[in-house]
């Protein structure tokens, strides 16, 4: 593969030209098409698919006339082979929408070249045979997902691979990493479903844990807990056997390998 085929969508011509220029400057990008609105973007995507040259990533503004970026992103997610979506916007408040659509990244205007480069790395991680997909060993694994969090008024993205455990707080969830915690407006049940493939397991009605970060499992008088770092987390009776069997299988697999 010589480079990613991407589409840039923005209803403001200067912003569209700037984004297309930055994309073409990245050696991992092969072709850059542009569209000024959502309807034109859909037509271009359909034509590229019919020609056997599907677009692999869409860099998409949110607030546009007619079909806005969030609606377009949801339509793209329903494609048989959906392109990777990166939102490029001047507004922070749509970050949760980006997470729900499973966008690869969420860039704020004006776009900085280093942030665009990181977004392209994330796209490459999910596209088979993408250029540069294996060049950065520190990049999150393809099954890792990022989630937007607010920190001092700035939107940041936390990789699921960095989360040690998640704690339910009403309709919100608190993500705990090695360096701190972040409150997000996402139910614990939604994260349980989304992150199961990334090694997260429900151990309690209020806790979801990353199995790889479990340091110890304690069972005493029928009461089960796990220790992650300095934190002890309760394991409900209904989840104890499942968790114990999972840890035994992982330990056996480690010995056999």
C-alpha atoms as a PDB file:
ATOM      1  CA  UNK A   1       0.000   0.000   0.000  1.00  0.00           C
ATOM      2  CA  UNK A   2       1.410   3.396  -0.978  1.00  0.00           C
ATOM      3  CA  UNK A   3      -0.657   5.559   1.363  1.00  0.00           C
ATOM      4  CA  UNK A   4      -4.020   6.087   2.977  1.00  0.00           C
ATOM      5  CA  UNK A   5      -6.936   7.342   0.918  1.00  0.00           C
ATOM      6  CA  UNK A   6      -8.638  10.029   2.989  1.00  0.00           C
ATOM      7  CA  UNK A   7     -11.438  12.552   2.679  1.00  0.00           C
ATOM      8  CA  UNK A   8     -11.434  15.984   4.333  1.00  0.00           C
ATOM      9  CA  UNK A   9     -14.846  17.573   4.916  1.00  0.00           C
ATOM     10  CA  UNK A  10     -15.382  21.205   5.992  1.00  0.00           C
ATOM     11  CA  UNK A  11     -17.847  23.833   4.789  1.00  0.00           C
ATOM     12  CA  UNK A  12     -15.298  26.638   5.240  1.00  0.00           C
ATOM     13  CA  UNK A  13     -12.956  26.738   2.247  1.00  0.00           C
ATOM     14  CA  UNK A  14      -9.879  28.184   4.036  1.00  0.00           C
ATOM     15  CA  UNK A  15     -10.133  25.589   6.825  1.00  0.00           C
ATOM     16  CA  UNK A  16     -10.606  22.819   4.255  1.00  0.00           C
ATOM     17  CA  UNK A  17      -7.567  23.921   2.274  1.00  0.00           C
ATOM     18  CA  UNK A  18      -5.418  24.108   5.404  1.00  0.00           C
ATOM     19  CA  UNK A  19      -6.473  20.631   6.520  1.00  0.00           C
ATOM     20  CA  UNK A  20      -5.903  19.134   3.075  1.00  0.00           C
ATOM     21  CA  UNK A  21      -2.446  20.751   2.947  1.00  0.00           C
ATOM     22  CA  UNK A  22      -1.465  19.252   6.313  1.00  0.00           C
ATOM     23  CA  UNK A  23      -2.766  15.829   5.320  1.00  0.00           C
ATOM     24  CA  UNK A  24      -0.862  15.809   2.032  1.00  0.00           C
ATOM     25  CA  UNK A  25       2.320  16.725   3.897  1.00  0.00           C
ATOM     26  CA  UNK A  26       2.202  13.465   5.874  1.00  0.00           C
ATOM     27  CA  UNK A  27       4.055  10.611   4.092  1.00  0.00           C
ATOM     28  CA  UNK A  28       1.467   8.067   5.276  1.00  0.00           C
ATOM     29  CA  UNK A  29      -1.251   9.799   3.257  1.00  0.00           C
ATOM     30  CA  UNK A  30      -1.548   8.788  -0.387  1.00  0.00           C
ATOM     31  CA  UNK A  31      -4.667  10.548  -1.695  1.00  0.00           C
ATOM     32  CA  UNK A  32      -6.668  13.449  -0.249  1.00  0.00           C
ATOM     33  CA  UNK A  33     -10.151  14.205  -1.563  1.00  0.00           C
ATOM     34  CA  UNK A  34     -12.196  17.144  -0.278  1.00  0.00           C
ATOM     35  CA  UNK A  35     -15.877  17.980   0.172  1.00  0.00           C
ATOM     36  CA  UNK A  36     -17.650  21.138   1.326  1.00  0.00           C
ATOM     37  CA  UNK A  37     -20.720  19.462   2.860  1.00  0.00           C
ATOM     38  CA  UNK A  38     -22.062  16.142   4.102  1.00  0.00           C
ATOM     39  CA  UNK A  39     -24.124  15.320   1.007  1.00  0.00           C
ATOM     40  CA  UNK A  40     -21.126  15.809  -1.284  1.00  0.00           C
ATOM     41  CA  UNK A  41     -19.016  13.681   1.054  1.00  0.00           C
ATOM     42  CA  UNK A  42     -21.487  10.788   0.843  1.00  0.00           C
ATOM     43  CA  UNK A  43     -21.547  10.958  -2.959  1.00  0.00           C
ATOM     44  CA  UNK A  44     -17.760  10.936  -3.105  1.00  0.00           C
ATOM     45  CA  UNK A  45     -17.551   7.983  -0.714  1.00  0.00           C
ATOM     46  CA  UNK A  46     -20.096   6.006  -2.739  1.00  0.00           C
ATOM     47  CA  UNK A  47     -18.238   6.691  -5.976  1.00  0.00           C
ATOM     48  CA  UNK A  48     -14.901   5.665  -4.461  1.00  0.00           C
ATOM     49  CA  UNK A  49     -16.437   2.434  -3.183  1.00  0.00           C
ATOM     50  CA  UNK A  50     -17.963   1.660  -6.605  1.00  0.00           C
ATOM     51  CA  UNK A  51     -14.543   2.177  -8.219  1.00  0.00           C
ATOM     52  CA  UNK A  52     -12.946  -0.265  -5.806  1.00  0.00           C
ATOM     53  CA  UNK A  53     -10.883   2.432  -4.111  1.00  0.00           C
ATOM     54  CA  UNK A  54     -12.716   2.989  -0.816  1.00  0.00           C
ATOM     55  CA  UNK A  55     -11.790   5.923   1.370  1.00  0.00           C
ATOM     56  CA  UNK A  56     -10.113   4.651   4.523  1.00  0.00           C
ATOM     57  CA  UNK A  57     -10.433   7.711   6.756  1.00  0.00           C
ATOM     58  CA  UNK A  58     -12.610  10.809   6.919  1.00  0.00           C
ATOM     59  CA  UNK A  59     -11.399  13.977   8.652  1.00  0.00           C
ATOM     60  CA  UNK A  60     -14.662  15.657   9.452  1.00  0.00           C
ATOM     61  CA  UNK A  61     -15.825  19.063  10.700  1.00  0.00           C
ATOM     62  CA  UNK A  62     -18.850  19.001  13.008  1.00  0.00           C
ATOM     63  CA  UNK A  63     -20.793  22.232  12.595  1.00  0.00           C
ATOM     64  CA  UNK A  64     -21.659  22.405   8.915  1.00  0.00           C
ATOM     65  CA  UNK A  65     -24.642  23.601   6.955  1.00  0.00           C
ATOM     66  CA  UNK A  66     -27.116  20.870   6.050  1.00  0.00           C
ATOM     67  CA  UNK A  67     -25.875  17.452   7.182  1.00  0.00           C
ATOM     68  CA  UNK A  68     -23.665  18.140  10.192  1.00  0.00           C
ATOM     69  CA  UNK A  69     -20.607  16.131  11.128  1.00  0.00           C
ATOM     70  CA  UNK A  70     -22.151  14.167  14.002  1.00  0.00           C
ATOM     71  CA  UNK A  71     -25.037  12.939  11.821  1.00  0.00           C
ATOM     72  CA  UNK A  72     -22.637  12.143   8.985  1.00  0.00           C
ATOM     73  CA  UNK A  73     -20.359  10.278  11.394  1.00  0.00           C
ATOM     74  CA  UNK A  74     -23.278   8.104  12.512  1.00  0.00           C
ATOM     75  CA  UNK A  75     -24.133   7.356   8.884  1.00  0.00           C
ATOM     76  CA  UNK A  76     -20.541   6.370   8.154  1.00  0.00           C
ATOM     77  CA  UNK A  77     -20.564   3.982  11.114  1.00  0.00           C
ATOM     78  CA  UNK A  78     -23.359   2.035   9.378  1.00  0.00           C
ATOM     79  CA  UNK A  79     -21.311   1.377   6.231  1.00  0.00           C
ATOM     80  CA  UNK A  80     -20.443  -2.272   5.531  1.00  0.00           C
ATOM     81  CA  UNK A  81     -16.787  -1.161   5.596  1.00  0.00           C
ATOM     82  CA  UNK A  82     -16.892   2.085   7.567  1.00  0.00           C
ATOM     83  CA  UNK A  83     -13.991   4.482   7.132  1.00  0.00           C
ATOM     84  CA  UNK A  84     -12.120   5.628  10.213  1.00  0.00           C
ATOM     85  CA  UNK A  85     -13.456   8.981  11.430  1.00  0.00           C
ATOM     86  CA  UNK A  86     -11.441  11.838  12.913  1.00  0.00           C
ATOM     87  CA  UNK A  87     -13.408  14.904  13.987  1.00  0.00           C
ATOM     88  CA  UNK A  88     -11.797  18.294  13.358  1.00  0.00           C
ATOM     89  CA  UNK A  89     -13.723  21.067  15.053  1.00  0.00           C
ATOM     90  CA  UNK A  90     -13.500  24.339  16.932  1.00  0.00           C
ATOM     91  CA  UNK A  91     -15.901  23.081  19.620  1.00  0.00           C
ATOM     92  CA  UNK A  92     -15.094  20.817  22.570  1.00  0.00           C
ATOM     93  CA  UNK A  93     -18.642  19.915  23.597  1.00  0.00           C
ATOM     94  CA  UNK A  94     -19.103  17.154  20.996  1.00  0.00           C
ATOM     95  CA  UNK A  95     -16.348  14.911  22.386  1.00  0.00           C
ATOM     96  CA  UNK A  96     -18.849  12.486  23.939  1.00  0.00           C
ATOM     97  CA  UNK A  97     -20.595  12.181  20.560  1.00  0.00           C
ATOM     98  CA  UNK A  98     -17.219  11.327  19.051  1.00  0.00           C
ATOM     99  CA  UNK A  99     -16.711   8.553  21.585  1.00  0.00           C
ATOM    100  CA  UNK A 100     -20.162   7.089  20.945  1.00  0.00           C
ATOM    101  CA  UNK A 101     -19.467   7.023  17.205  1.00  0.00           C
ATOM    102  CA  UNK A 102     -16.103   5.364  17.932  1.00  0.00           C
ATOM    103  CA  UNK A 103     -14.142   8.141  16.267  1.00  0.00           C
ATOM    104  CA  UNK A 104     -10.400   7.592  16.138  1.00  0.00           C
ATOM    105  CA  UNK A 105      -9.605  11.080  17.427  1.00  0.00           C
ATOM    106  CA  UNK A 106     -11.013  14.532  18.112  1.00  0.00           C
ATOM    107  CA  UNK A 107      -8.877  17.456  16.956  1.00  0.00           C
ATOM    108  CA  UNK A 108      -9.502  21.047  17.927  1.00  0.00           C
ATOM    109  CA  UNK A 109      -8.927  23.902  15.490  1.00  0.00           C
ATOM    110  CA  UNK A 110      -6.500  25.351  14.735  1.00  0.00           C
ATOM    111  CA  UNK A 111      -5.030  21.937  14.005  1.00  0.00           C
ATOM    112  CA  UNK A 112      -1.474  21.455  15.181  1.00  0.00           C
ATOM    113  CA  UNK A 113       0.680  19.255  12.900  1.00  0.00           C
ATOM    114  CA  UNK A 114       1.821  17.055  15.793  1.00  0.00           C
ATOM    115  CA  UNK A 115      -1.773  16.352  16.863  1.00  0.00           C
ATOM    116  CA  UNK A 116      -2.735  15.549  13.286  1.00  0.00           C
ATOM    117  CA  UNK A 117       0.237  13.171  13.095  1.00  0.00           C
ATOM    118  CA  UNK A 118      -1.018  11.401  16.222  1.00  0.00           C
ATOM    119  CA  UNK A 119      -4.513  11.111  14.729  1.00  0.00           C
ATOM    120  CA  UNK A 120      -3.044   9.578  11.574  1.00  0.00           C
ATOM    121  CA  UNK A 121      -1.108   7.072  13.715  1.00  0.00           C
ATOM    122  CA  UNK A 122      -4.380   6.047  15.353  1.00  0.00           C
ATOM    123  CA  UNK A 123      -6.033   5.636  11.984  1.00  0.00           C
ATOM    124  CA  UNK A 124      -3.139   3.522  10.724  1.00  0.00           C
ATOM    125  CA  UNK A 125      -3.434   1.277  13.793  1.00  0.00           C
ATOM    126  CA  UNK A 126      -6.891   0.223  12.655  1.00  0.00           C
ATOM    127  CA  UNK A 127      -6.306  -0.097   8.908  1.00  0.00           C
ATOM    128  CA  UNK A 128      -4.749  -3.376   7.704  1.00  0.00           C
ATOM    129  CA  UNK A 129      -1.426  -2.879   5.901  1.00  0.00           C
ATOM    130  CA  UNK A 130      -1.543   0.866   6.555  1.00  0.00           C
ATOM    131  CA  UNK A 131       1.820   2.614   6.118  1.00  0.00           C
ATOM    132  CA  UNK A 132       3.570   3.160   9.424  1.00  0.00           C
ATOM    133  CA  UNK A 133       1.075   1.015  11.339  1.00  0.00           C
ATOM    134  CA  UNK A 134       3.886  -0.850  13.096  1.00  0.00           C
ATOM    135  CA  UNK A 135       6.475   1.875  13.327  1.00  0.00           C
ATOM    136  CA  UNK A 136       5.519   3.146  16.791  1.00  0.00           C
ATOM    137  CA  UNK A 137       5.688   0.434  19.498  1.00  0.00           C
ATOM    138  CA  UNK A 138       4.449   2.897  22.120  1.00  0.00           C
ATOM    139  CA  UNK A 139       1.192   3.445  20.220  1.00  0.00           C
ATOM    140  CA  UNK A 140      -1.911   1.814  21.789  1.00  0.00           C
ATOM    141  CA  UNK A 141      -2.749  -1.630  20.408  1.00  0.00           C
ATOM    142  CA  UNK A 142      -5.420  -1.796  17.687  1.00  0.00           C
ATOM    143  CA  UNK A 143      -8.009  -3.027  20.215  1.00  0.00           C
ATOM    144  CA  UNK A 144      -7.327  -0.064  22.505  1.00  0.00           C
ATOM    145  CA  UNK A 145      -9.884   2.709  22.431  1.00  0.00           C
ATOM    146  CA  UNK A 146      -9.633   6.311  23.478  1.00  0.00           C
ATOM    147  CA  UNK A 147     -12.209   8.188  25.500  1.00  0.00           C
ATOM    148  CA  UNK A 148     -12.519  11.979  25.818  1.00  0.00           C
ATOM    149  CA  UNK A 149     -12.067  13.481  29.285  1.00  0.00           C
ATOM    150  CA  UNK A 150     -12.124  17.053  30.528  1.00  0.00           C
ATOM    151  CA  UNK A 151      -9.087  18.321  32.415  1.00  0.00           C
ATOM    152  CA  UNK A 152      -8.855  21.987  33.439  1.00  0.00           C
ATOM    153  CA  UNK A 153     -11.206  22.977  30.631  1.00  0.00           C
ATOM    154  CA  UNK A 154      -9.249  21.081  27.966  1.00  0.00           C
ATOM    155  CA  UNK A 155     -10.409  17.889  26.247  1.00  0.00           C
ATOM    156  CA  UNK A 156      -7.890  15.067  26.435  1.00  0.00           C
ATOM    157  CA  UNK A 157      -8.113  11.448  25.292  1.00  0.00           C
ATOM    158  CA  UNK A 158      -7.308   8.537  27.600  1.00  0.00           C
ATOM    159  CA  UNK A 159      -6.523   5.143  26.052  1.00  0.00           C
ATOM    160  CA  UNK A 160      -8.391   2.167  27.464  1.00  0.00           C
ATOM    161  CA  UNK A 161      -5.016   0.432  27.737  1.00  0.00           C
ATOM    162  CA  UNK A 162      -4.014   3.015  30.368  1.00  0.00           C
ATOM    163  CA  UNK A 163      -7.127   2.481  32.511  1.00  0.00           C
ATOM    164  CA  UNK A 164      -6.638   0.142  35.474  1.00  0.00           C
ATOM    165  CA  UNK A 165     -10.197   0.025  36.727  1.00  0.00           C
ATOM    166  CA  UNK A 166     -13.485   1.871  36.360  1.00  0.00           C
ATOM    167  CA  UNK A 167     -15.832   2.851  39.151  1.00  0.00           C
ATOM    168  CA  UNK A 168     -19.538   3.565  38.652  1.00  0.00           C
ATOM    169  CA  UNK A 169     -20.826   6.890  39.963  1.00  0.00           C
ATOM    170  CA  UNK A 170     -24.513   7.084  39.069  1.00  0.00           C
ATOM    171  CA  UNK A 171     -24.874   7.644  35.331  1.00  0.00           C
ATOM    172  CA  UNK A 172     -21.177   8.530  35.193  1.00  0.00           C
ATOM    173  CA  UNK A 173     -18.021   6.441  35.409  1.00  0.00           C
ATOM    174  CA  UNK A 174     -14.661   7.296  36.933  1.00  0.00           C
ATOM    175  CA  UNK A 175     -11.631   6.027  35.027  1.00  0.00           C
ATOM    176  CA  UNK A 176      -8.631   5.244  37.209  1.00  0.00           C
ATOM    177  CA  UNK A 177      -5.159   5.283  35.645  1.00  0.00           C
ATOM    178  CA  UNK A 178      -1.691   5.116  37.154  1.00  0.00           C
ATOM    179  CA  UNK A 179      -1.534   8.916  37.303  1.00  0.00           C
ATOM    180  CA  UNK A 180      -5.036   9.931  38.379  1.00  0.00           C
ATOM    181  CA  UNK A 181      -8.757   9.580  37.687  1.00  0.00           C
ATOM    182  CA  UNK A 182     -11.252  11.101  35.262  1.00  0.00           C
ATOM    183  CA  UNK A 183     -15.037  11.362  35.507  1.00  0.00           C
ATOM    184  CA  UNK A 184     -16.858  10.719  32.220  1.00  0.00           C
ATOM    185  CA  UNK A 185     -20.530  10.858  31.281  1.00  0.00           C
ATOM    186  CA  UNK A 186     -20.784   7.213  30.242  1.00  0.00           C
ATOM    187  CA  UNK A 187     -22.557   4.397  32.157  1.00  0.00           C
ATOM    188  CA  UNK A 188     -20.420   1.553  33.448  1.00  0.00           C
ATOM    189  CA  UNK A 189     -22.524  -0.958  31.472  1.00  0.00           C
ATOM    190  CA  UNK A 190     -21.614   0.787  28.206  1.00  0.00           C
ATOM    191  CA  UNK A 191     -17.894   0.572  28.964  1.00  0.00           C
ATOM    192  CA  UNK A 192     -18.276  -3.071  29.998  1.00  0.00           C
ATOM    193  CA  UNK A 193     -19.647  -3.891  26.547  1.00  0.00           C
ATOM    194  CA  UNK A 194     -17.230  -1.684  24.627  1.00  0.00           C
ATOM    195  CA  UNK A 195     -14.061  -2.758  26.441  1.00  0.00           C
ATOM    196  CA  UNK A 196     -14.648  -6.487  26.910  1.00  0.00           C
ATOM    197  CA  UNK A 197     -12.371  -7.302  23.964  1.00  0.00           C
ATOM    198  CA  UNK A 198      -9.636  -5.133  25.517  1.00  0.00           C
ATOM    199  CA  UNK A 199      -9.476  -7.325  28.641  1.00  0.00           C
ATOM    200  CA  UNK A 200     -11.915  -5.599  31.001  1.00  0.00           C
ATOM    201  CA  UNK A 201     -14.233  -7.670  33.181  1.00  0.00           C
ATOM    202  CA  UNK A 202     -17.096  -6.738  35.502  1.00  0.00           C
ATOM    203  CA  UNK A 203     -16.283  -7.833  39.075  1.00  0.00           C
ATOM    204  CA  UNK A 204     -18.982  -5.917  40.931  1.00  0.00           C
ATOM    205  CA  UNK A 205     -22.041  -3.848  40.134  1.00  0.00           C
ATOM    206  CA  UNK A 206     -19.854  -0.789  40.735  1.00  0.00           C
ATOM    207  CA  UNK A 207     -16.511  -1.890  39.308  1.00  0.00           C
ATOM    208  CA  UNK A 208     -14.962  -2.880  36.004  1.00  0.00           C
ATOM    209  CA  UNK A 209     -11.295  -3.920  36.060  1.00  0.00           C
ATOM    210  CA  UNK A 210      -8.522  -4.461  33.506  1.00  0.00           C
ATOM    211  CA  UNK A 211      -7.423  -8.045  34.085  1.00  0.00           C
ATOM    212  CA  UNK A 212      -3.812  -7.308  33.120  1.00  0.00           C
ATOM    213  CA  UNK A 213      -3.535  -4.810  35.993  1.00  0.00           C
ATOM    214  CA  UNK A 214      -4.725  -7.202  38.727  1.00  0.00           C
ATOM    215  CA  UNK A 215      -1.851  -7.789  41.158  1.00  0.00           C
ATOM    216  CA  UNK A 216      -3.529 -10.138  43.647  1.00  0.00           C
ATOM    217  CA  UNK A 217      -6.732 -12.078  44.193  1.00  0.00           C
ATOM    218  CA  UNK A 218      -7.864 -12.694  47.789  1.00  0.00           C
ATOM    219  CA  UNK A 219     -10.592 -15.085  48.934  1.00  0.00           C
ATOM    220  CA  UNK A 220     -11.221 -15.113  52.660  1.00  0.00           C
ATOM    221  CA  UNK A 221     -14.300 -16.627  54.347  1.00  0.00           C
ATOM    222  CA  UNK A 222     -16.184 -16.455  51.065  1.00  0.00           C
ATOM    223  CA  UNK A 223     -15.313 -12.787  50.517  1.00  0.00           C
ATOM    224  CA  UNK A 224     -13.329 -12.059  47.369  1.00  0.00           C
ATOM    225  CA  UNK A 225     -11.305  -8.971  46.511  1.00  0.00           C
ATOM    226  CA  UNK A 226      -8.672  -8.010  43.966  1.00  0.00           C
ATOM    227  CA  UNK A 227      -5.779  -5.644  44.476  1.00  0.00           C
ATOM    228  CA  UNK A 228      -4.730  -3.223  41.745  1.00  0.00           C
ATOM    229  CA  UNK A 229      -1.775  -1.193  42.921  1.00  0.00           C
ATOM    230  CA  UNK A 230      -2.691   0.124  46.363  1.00  0.00           C
ATOM    231  CA  UNK A 231      -6.433  -0.239  45.791  1.00  0.00           C
ATOM    232  CA  UNK A 232      -8.522  -3.186  46.988  1.00  0.00           C
ATOM    233  CA  UNK A 233     -11.680  -3.768  44.961  1.00  0.00           C
ATOM    234  CA  UNK A 234     -14.584  -6.005  46.047  1.00  0.00           C
ATOM    235  CA  UNK A 235     -15.668  -8.879  43.843  1.00  0.00           C
ATOM    236  CA  UNK A 236     -19.313  -9.884  44.109  1.00  0.00           C
ATOM    237  CA  UNK A 237     -20.185 -13.535  44.719  1.00  0.00           C
ATOM    238  CA  UNK A 238     -21.727 -13.919  41.257  1.00  0.00           C
ATOM    239  CA  UNK A 239     -18.482 -12.771  39.564  1.00  0.00           C
ATOM    240  CA  UNK A 240     -15.979 -14.608  41.796  1.00  0.00           C
ATOM    241  CA  UNK A 241     -15.867 -17.928  39.931  1.00  0.00           C
ATOM    242  CA  UNK A 242     -15.686 -16.268  36.496  1.00  0.00           C
ATOM    243  CA  UNK A 243     -12.813 -14.037  37.577  1.00  0.00           C
ATOM    244  CA  UNK A 244     -10.935 -16.838  39.332  1.00  0.00           C
ATOM    245  CA  UNK A 245     -11.218 -19.158  36.312  1.00  0.00           C
ATOM    246  CA  UNK A 246     -10.087 -16.374  33.989  1.00  0.00           C
ATOM    247  CA  UNK A 247      -6.992 -15.662  36.076  1.00  0.00           C
ATOM    248  CA  UNK A 248      -6.148 -19.371  36.266  1.00  0.00           C
ATOM    249  CA  UNK A 249      -6.425 -19.693  32.478  1.00  0.00           C
ATOM    250  CA  UNK A 250      -4.168 -16.674  31.984  1.00  0.00           C
ATOM    251  CA  UNK A 251      -1.599 -18.024  34.418  1.00  0.00           C
ATOM    252  CA  UNK A 252      -1.640 -21.452  32.709  1.00  0.00           C
ATOM    253  CA  UNK A 253      -1.261 -19.834  29.311  1.00  0.00           C
ATOM    254  CA  UNK A 254       1.712 -17.813  30.579  1.00  0.00           C
ATOM    255  CA  UNK A 255       3.440 -20.970  31.836  1.00  0.00           C
ATOM    256  CA  UNK A 256       2.787 -22.877  28.621  1.00  0.00           C
ATOM    257  CA  UNK A 257       4.205 -20.071  26.489  1.00  0.00           C
END
